[in-house]
Amino acid sequence: MEKKKNITDAAKIFRDNFEEIYVSNYRGMVRFAKEFVGNREDAENIVQDAFTDIWETGSKALYEKNHILGLLFTSIKNRCIDLLRHNIIVREVENLMQEEFRRDMKMKFDTLEAFDRDLFMSDERIDEIINNSINTLPEKCRQIFVMNKIEGKKHVIIAEELNISVNTVETQMGIAYKKLREELKNYLPLVTFLFYLNS
């Protein structure tokens, strides 16, 4: 009976975290995918499929928000690679790709693929990199960044809860972006993904 209760509790945690992440981050994730695939409809399909896959395999996943985000990032990234690879082949076969477009597409593809080789030993590695980078931020800056990008709170809500001005929130977020860009300079797709959350 206790084991069944634990399974039920875990499933509820996953469902609650999943729904919160979907509502807070869907649009930002679509914009992230669109940065690489170029087409909004393709980006929406990629993100929707990624969420569907995570939902269907949720019983096999850990239920922390950051882990779900890591799984989503991996899935979206791989789907972008697959679509870019397909587009490159089609364009080359049909000889319709202009040189400038080809270079841009290839650069995005190579960036994602190289990132895949260098980083993804496991999904937990994404969580580790995200958490370690966030933990390098000054305390107040880190608190504001987590409230916005992890908890999904808007700037005005953060300002009210911390009794500070919206301008202060925006300034601290600017500091966070600058520091995280430097901290994650070798992980460009992950930086882009992280900054698009709740945007």
C-alpha atoms as a PDB file:
ATOM      1  CA  MET A   1       0.000   0.000   0.000  1.00  0.00           C
ATOM      2  CA  GLU A   2       2.865   2.378   0.895  1.00  0.00           C
ATOM      3  CA  LYS A   3       4.629   1.622  -2.397  1.00  0.00           C
ATOM      4  CA  LYS A   4       1.430   2.370  -4.346  1.00  0.00           C
ATOM      5  CA  LYS A   5       1.053   5.677  -2.457  1.00  0.00           C
ATOM      6  CA  ASN A   6       4.659   6.655  -3.267  1.00  0.00           C
ATOM      7  CA  ILE A   7       4.063   5.941  -6.953  1.00  0.00           C
ATOM      8  CA  THR A   8       0.879   8.015  -6.888  1.00  0.00           C
ATOM      9  CA  ASP A   9       2.656  10.905  -5.112  1.00  0.00           C
ATOM     10  CA  ALA A  10       5.540  10.787  -7.602  1.00  0.00           C
ATOM     11  CA  ALA A  11       3.140  10.823 -10.530  1.00  0.00           C
ATOM     12  CA  LYS A  12       1.355  13.871  -9.081  1.00  0.00           C
ATOM     13  CA  ILE A  13       4.660  15.709  -8.585  1.00  0.00           C
ATOM     14  CA  PHE A  14       5.622  14.976 -12.180  1.00  0.00           C
ATOM     15  CA  ARG A  15       2.211  16.050 -13.503  1.00  0.00           C
ATOM     16  CA  ASP A  16       2.222  19.297 -11.508  1.00  0.00           C
ATOM     17  CA  ASN A  17       5.787  20.198 -12.505  1.00  0.00           C
ATOM     18  CA  PHE A  18       5.137  19.224 -16.116  1.00  0.00           C
ATOM     19  CA  GLU A  19       2.020  21.373 -16.395  1.00  0.00           C
ATOM     20  CA  GLU A  20       3.754  24.345 -14.769  1.00  0.00           C
ATOM     21  CA  ILE A  21       6.739  24.062 -17.125  1.00  0.00           C
ATOM     22  CA  TYR A  22       4.436  23.705 -20.147  1.00  0.00           C
ATOM     23  CA  VAL A  23       2.407  26.786 -19.289  1.00  0.00           C
ATOM     24  CA  SER A  24       5.422  28.912 -18.337  1.00  0.00           C
ATOM     25  CA  ASN A  25       7.891  27.895 -21.027  1.00  0.00           C
ATOM     26  CA  TYR A  26       6.086  26.640 -24.148  1.00  0.00           C
ATOM     27  CA  ARG A  27       6.309  29.911 -26.067  1.00  0.00           C
ATOM     28  CA  GLY A  28       9.930  30.481 -25.086  1.00  0.00           C
ATOM     29  CA  MET A  29      10.868  26.964 -26.166  1.00  0.00           C
ATOM     30  CA  VAL A  30       9.150  27.510 -29.524  1.00  0.00           C
ATOM     31  CA  ARG A  31      11.178  30.678 -30.025  1.00  0.00           C
ATOM     32  CA  PHE A  32      14.328  28.744 -29.081  1.00  0.00           C
ATOM     33  CA  ALA A  33      13.616  26.028 -31.662  1.00  0.00           C
ATOM     34  CA  LYS A  34      12.697  28.630 -34.279  1.00  0.00           C
ATOM     35  CA  GLU A  35      16.135  30.217 -33.844  1.00  0.00           C
ATOM     36  CA  PHE A  36      17.611  27.038 -35.324  1.00  0.00           C
ATOM     37  CA  VAL A  37      14.973  25.661 -37.694  1.00  0.00           C
ATOM     38  CA  GLY A  38      13.771  29.038 -38.987  1.00  0.00           C
ATOM     39  CA  ASN A  39      10.097  28.114 -39.368  1.00  0.00           C
ATOM     40  CA  ARG A  40       7.564  28.692 -36.585  1.00  0.00           C
ATOM     41  CA  GLU A  41       5.317  25.792 -37.573  1.00  0.00           C
ATOM     42  CA  ASP A  42       8.264  23.384 -37.532  1.00  0.00           C
ATOM     43  CA  ALA A  43       9.370  24.837 -34.187  1.00  0.00           C
ATOM     44  CA  GLU A  44       5.904  24.371 -32.685  1.00  0.00           C
ATOM     45  CA  ASN A  45       5.769  20.766 -33.911  1.00  0.00           C
ATOM     46  CA  ILE A  46       9.200  20.057 -32.437  1.00  0.00           C
ATOM     47  CA  VAL A  47       8.301  21.483 -29.031  1.00  0.00           C
ATOM     48  CA  GLN A  48       4.878  19.804 -28.966  1.00  0.00           C
ATOM     49  CA  ASP A  49       6.427  16.422 -29.839  1.00  0.00           C
ATOM     50  CA  ALA A  50       9.094  16.893 -27.167  1.00  0.00           C
ATOM     51  CA  PHE A  51       6.481  17.629 -24.492  1.00  0.00           C
ATOM     52  CA  THR A  52       4.412  14.639 -25.662  1.00  0.00           C
ATOM     53  CA  ASP A  53       7.396  12.292 -25.426  1.00  0.00           C
ATOM     54  CA  ILE A  54       8.294  13.489 -21.918  1.00  0.00           C
ATOM     55  CA  TRP A  55       4.669  13.140 -20.813  1.00  0.00           C
ATOM     56  CA  GLU A  56       4.370   9.598 -22.182  1.00  0.00           C
ATOM     57  CA  THR A  57       7.632   8.480 -20.530  1.00  0.00           C
ATOM     58  CA  GLY A  58       7.067  10.450 -17.341  1.00  0.00           C
ATOM     59  CA  SER A  59       6.908   7.363 -15.167  1.00  0.00           C
ATOM     60  CA  LYS A  60      10.546   6.667 -16.059  1.00  0.00           C
ATOM     61  CA  ALA A  61      11.771  10.205 -15.347  1.00  0.00           C
ATOM     62  CA  LEU A  62      12.920  12.002 -12.228  1.00  0.00           C
ATOM     63  CA  TYR A  63      10.398  14.596 -11.196  1.00  0.00           C
ATOM     64  CA  GLU A  64      12.469  17.689 -10.343  1.00  0.00           C
ATOM     65  CA  LYS A  65      11.732  20.700 -12.560  1.00  0.00           C
ATOM     66  CA  ASN A  66      15.333  21.059 -13.682  1.00  0.00           C
ATOM     67  CA  HIS A  67      15.475  17.422 -14.748  1.00  0.00           C
ATOM     68  CA  ILE A  68      12.308  17.776 -16.816  1.00  0.00           C
ATOM     69  CA  LEU A  69      13.830  20.921 -18.382  1.00  0.00           C
ATOM     70  CA  GLY A  70      16.974  18.929 -19.146  1.00  0.00           C
ATOM     71  CA  LEU A  71      14.998  16.199 -20.846  1.00  0.00           C
ATOM     72  CA  LEU A  72      13.038  18.761 -22.843  1.00  0.00           C
ATOM     73  CA  PHE A  73      16.190  20.568 -23.941  1.00  0.00           C
ATOM     74  CA  THR A  74      17.760  17.279 -25.083  1.00  0.00           C
ATOM     75  CA  SER A  75      14.643  16.295 -27.024  1.00  0.00           C
ATOM     76  CA  ILE A  76      14.186  19.710 -28.673  1.00  0.00           C
ATOM     77  CA  LYS A  77      17.870  19.934 -29.563  1.00  0.00           C
ATOM     78  CA  ASN A  78      17.902  16.473 -31.157  1.00  0.00           C
ATOM     79  CA  ARG A  79      14.728  17.196 -33.121  1.00  0.00           C
ATOM     80  CA  CYS A  80      16.249  20.446 -34.399  1.00  0.00           C
ATOM     81  CA  ILE A  81      19.324  18.497 -35.527  1.00  0.00           C
ATOM     82  CA  ASP A  82      17.171  15.926 -37.318  1.00  0.00           C
ATOM     83  CA  LEU A  83      15.162  18.583 -39.130  1.00  0.00           C
ATOM     84  CA  LEU A  84      18.257  20.602 -40.058  1.00  0.00           C
ATOM     85  CA  ARG A  85      19.949  17.461 -41.379  1.00  0.00           C
ATOM     86  CA  HIS A  86      16.855  16.662 -43.459  1.00  0.00           C
ATOM     87  CA  ASN A  87      16.655  20.226 -44.765  1.00  0.00           C
ATOM     88  CA  ILE A  88      20.332  20.241 -45.703  1.00  0.00           C
ATOM     89  CA  ILE A  89      19.968  16.996 -47.665  1.00  0.00           C
ATOM     90  CA  VAL A  90      16.809  18.182 -49.426  1.00  0.00           C
ATOM     91  CA  ARG A  91      18.319  21.538 -50.318  1.00  0.00           C
ATOM     92  CA  GLU A  92      21.492  19.955 -51.644  1.00  0.00           C
ATOM     93  CA  VAL A  93      19.632  17.338 -53.697  1.00  0.00           C
ATOM     94  CA  GLU A  94      17.305  19.924 -55.197  1.00  0.00           C
ATOM     95  CA  ASN A  95      20.128  22.428 -55.598  1.00  0.00           C
ATOM     96  CA  LEU A  96      17.889  25.188 -54.210  1.00  0.00           C
ATOM     97  CA  MET A  97      20.086  26.285 -51.335  1.00  0.00           C
ATOM     98  CA  GLN A  98      21.826  29.561 -51.886  1.00  0.00           C
ATOM     99  CA  GLU A  99      25.348  29.766 -50.485  1.00  0.00           C
ATOM    100  CA  GLU A 100      24.576  32.253 -47.738  1.00  0.00           C
ATOM    101  CA  PHE A 101      21.557  30.267 -46.546  1.00  0.00           C
ATOM    102  CA  ARG A 102      23.577  27.037 -46.627  1.00  0.00           C
ATOM    103  CA  ARG A 103      26.372  28.530 -44.517  1.00  0.00           C
ATOM    104  CA  ASP A 104      23.924  29.816 -41.929  1.00  0.00           C
ATOM    105  CA  MET A 105      22.045  26.501 -41.749  1.00  0.00           C
ATOM    106  CA  LYS A 106      25.301  24.525 -41.545  1.00  0.00           C
ATOM    107  CA  MET A 107      26.650  26.767 -38.793  1.00  0.00           C
ATOM    108  CA  LYS A 108      23.544  26.210 -36.664  1.00  0.00           C
ATOM    109  CA  PHE A 109      23.632  22.482 -37.343  1.00  0.00           C
ATOM    110  CA  ASP A 110      27.344  22.230 -36.490  1.00  0.00           C
ATOM    111  CA  THR A 111      26.839  24.244 -33.303  1.00  0.00           C
ATOM    112  CA  LEU A 112      24.125  21.903 -32.058  1.00  0.00           C
ATOM    113  CA  GLU A 113      25.938  18.737 -33.146  1.00  0.00           C
ATOM    114  CA  ALA A 114      29.267  19.777 -31.590  1.00  0.00           C
ATOM    115  CA  PHE A 115      27.434  20.669 -28.406  1.00  0.00           C
ATOM    116  CA  ASP A 116      25.889  17.199 -28.462  1.00  0.00           C
ATOM    117  CA  ARG A 117      29.309  15.498 -28.685  1.00  0.00           C
ATOM    118  CA  ASP A 118      30.938  17.614 -26.014  1.00  0.00           C
ATOM    119  CA  LEU A 119      28.202  17.776 -23.403  1.00  0.00           C
ATOM    120  CA  PHE A 120      25.574  15.085 -23.375  1.00  0.00           C
ATOM    121  CA  MET A 121      26.986  12.204 -21.418  1.00  0.00           C
ATOM    122  CA  SER A 122      23.670  12.149 -19.531  1.00  0.00           C
ATOM    123  CA  ASP A 123      20.621  14.317 -18.935  1.00  0.00           C
ATOM    124  CA  GLU A 124      21.863  14.927 -15.394  1.00  0.00           C
ATOM    125  CA  ARG A 125      24.887  16.701 -16.904  1.00  0.00           C
ATOM    126  CA  ILE A 126      22.583  19.443 -18.200  1.00  0.00           C
ATOM    127  CA  ASP A 127      21.139  19.934 -14.720  1.00  0.00           C
ATOM    128  CA  GLU A 128      24.647  20.096 -13.263  1.00  0.00           C
ATOM    129  CA  ILE A 129      25.804  22.737 -15.741  1.00  0.00           C
ATOM    130  CA  ILE A 130      22.652  24.844 -15.309  1.00  0.00           C
ATOM    131  CA  ASN A 131      22.748  24.673 -11.511  1.00  0.00           C
ATOM    132  CA  ASN A 132      26.498  25.288 -11.247  1.00  0.00           C
ATOM    133  CA  SER A 133      26.256  28.308 -13.535  1.00  0.00           C
ATOM    134  CA  ILE A 134      23.290  29.794 -11.684  1.00  0.00           C
ATOM    135  CA  ASN A 135      25.097  29.249  -8.377  1.00  0.00           C
ATOM    136  CA  THR A 136      27.954  31.498  -9.530  1.00  0.00           C
ATOM    137  CA  LEU A 137      25.598  34.497  -9.548  1.00  0.00           C
ATOM    138  CA  PRO A 138      25.568  36.933  -6.597  1.00  0.00           C
ATOM    139  CA  GLU A 139      22.915  36.009  -4.040  1.00  0.00           C
ATOM    140  CA  LYS A 140      20.276  38.635  -4.893  1.00  0.00           C
ATOM    141  CA  CYS A 141      20.939  38.281  -8.610  1.00  0.00           C
ATOM    142  CA  ARG A 142      20.602  34.480  -8.346  1.00  0.00           C
ATOM    143  CA  GLN A 143      17.361  34.769  -6.354  1.00  0.00           C
ATOM    144  CA  ILE A 144      15.784  37.039  -8.968  1.00  0.00           C
ATOM    145  CA  PHE A 145      17.001  34.906 -11.877  1.00  0.00           C
ATOM    146  CA  VAL A 146      15.605  31.702 -10.326  1.00  0.00           C
ATOM    147  CA  MET A 147      12.286  33.366  -9.571  1.00  0.00           C
ATOM    148  CA  ASN A 148      11.997  34.484 -13.196  1.00  0.00           C
ATOM    149  CA  LYS A 149      13.523  31.656 -15.239  1.00  0.00           C
ATOM    150  CA  ILE A 150      12.890  28.607 -13.031  1.00  0.00           C
ATOM    151  CA  GLU A 151       9.746  29.589 -11.131  1.00  0.00           C
ATOM    152  CA  GLY A 152       8.243  31.489 -14.072  1.00  0.00           C
ATOM    153  CA  LYS A 153       7.411  34.704 -12.206  1.00  0.00           C
ATOM    154  CA  LYS A 154       7.071  37.992 -14.097  1.00  0.00           C
ATOM    155  CA  HIS A 155       9.262  40.965 -13.243  1.00  0.00           C
ATOM    156  CA  VAL A 156       6.432  42.895 -11.599  1.00  0.00           C
ATOM    157  CA  ILE A 157       5.580  39.953  -9.320  1.00  0.00           C
ATOM    158  CA  ILE A 158       9.223  39.528  -8.320  1.00  0.00           C
ATOM    159  CA  ALA A 159       9.455  43.234  -7.526  1.00  0.00           C
ATOM    160  CA  GLU A 160       6.370  43.031  -5.305  1.00  0.00           C
ATOM    161  CA  GLU A 161       7.536  39.915  -3.456  1.00  0.00           C
ATOM    162  CA  LEU A 162      11.044  41.277  -2.814  1.00  0.00           C
ATOM    163  CA  ASN A 163       9.874  44.845  -2.162  1.00  0.00           C
ATOM    164  CA  ILE A 164      12.129  46.281  -4.869  1.00  0.00           C
ATOM    165  CA  SER A 165      11.495  48.222  -8.064  1.00  0.00           C
ATOM    166  CA  VAL A 166      10.851  46.591 -11.428  1.00  0.00           C
ATOM    167  CA  ASN A 167      13.878  48.512 -12.697  1.00  0.00           C
ATOM    168  CA  THR A 168      16.031  46.773 -10.067  1.00  0.00           C
ATOM    169  CA  VAL A 169      14.693  43.395 -11.200  1.00  0.00           C
ATOM    170  CA  GLU A 170      15.512  44.214 -14.822  1.00  0.00           C
ATOM    171  CA  THR A 171      18.984  45.439 -13.874  1.00  0.00           C
ATOM    172  CA  GLN A 172      19.715  42.261 -11.921  1.00  0.00           C
ATOM    173  CA  MET A 173      18.453  40.110 -14.788  1.00  0.00           C
ATOM    174  CA  GLY A 174      20.803  42.009 -17.103  1.00  0.00           C
ATOM    175  CA  ILE A 175      23.689  41.239 -14.758  1.00  0.00           C
ATOM    176  CA  ALA A 176      22.626  37.576 -14.672  1.00  0.00           C
ATOM    177  CA  TYR A 177      22.505  37.354 -18.477  1.00  0.00           C
ATOM    178  CA  LYS A 178      25.963  38.885 -18.795  1.00  0.00           C
ATOM    179  CA  LYS A 179      27.540  36.617 -16.194  1.00  0.00           C
ATOM    180  CA  LEU A 180      25.834  33.465 -17.489  1.00  0.00           C
ATOM    181  CA  ARG A 181      26.848  34.213 -21.075  1.00  0.00           C
ATOM    182  CA  GLU A 182      30.435  34.293 -19.896  1.00  0.00           C
ATOM    183  CA  GLU A 183      30.031  31.260 -17.621  1.00  0.00           C
ATOM    184  CA  LEU A 184      28.339  29.228 -20.392  1.00  0.00           C
ATOM    185  CA  LYS A 185      30.305  30.588 -23.354  1.00  0.00           C
ATOM    186  CA  ASN A 186      31.220  27.046 -24.457  1.00  0.00           C
ATOM    187  CA  TYR A 187      27.574  25.934 -24.405  1.00  0.00           C
ATOM    188  CA  LEU A 188      25.862  28.393 -26.763  1.00  0.00           C
ATOM    189  CA  PRO A 189      22.655  26.369 -27.418  1.00  0.00           C
ATOM    190  CA  LEU A 190      22.169  25.835 -23.676  1.00  0.00           C
ATOM    191  CA  VAL A 191      22.579  29.572 -23.054  1.00  0.00           C
ATOM    192  CA  THR A 192      19.948  30.338 -25.685  1.00  0.00           C
ATOM    193  CA  PHE A 193      17.606  27.694 -24.267  1.00  0.00           C
ATOM    194  CA  LEU A 194      17.999  28.969 -20.698  1.00  0.00           C
ATOM    195  CA  PHE A 195      17.413  32.611 -21.642  1.00  0.00           C
ATOM    196  CA  TYR A 196      14.246  31.811 -23.601  1.00  0.00           C
ATOM    197  CA  LEU A 197      12.566  30.175 -20.576  1.00  0.00           C
ATOM    198  CA  ASN A 198       9.544  32.205 -19.409  1.00  0.00           C
ATOM    199  CA  SER A 199      10.355  34.868 -21.998  1.00  0.00           C
END
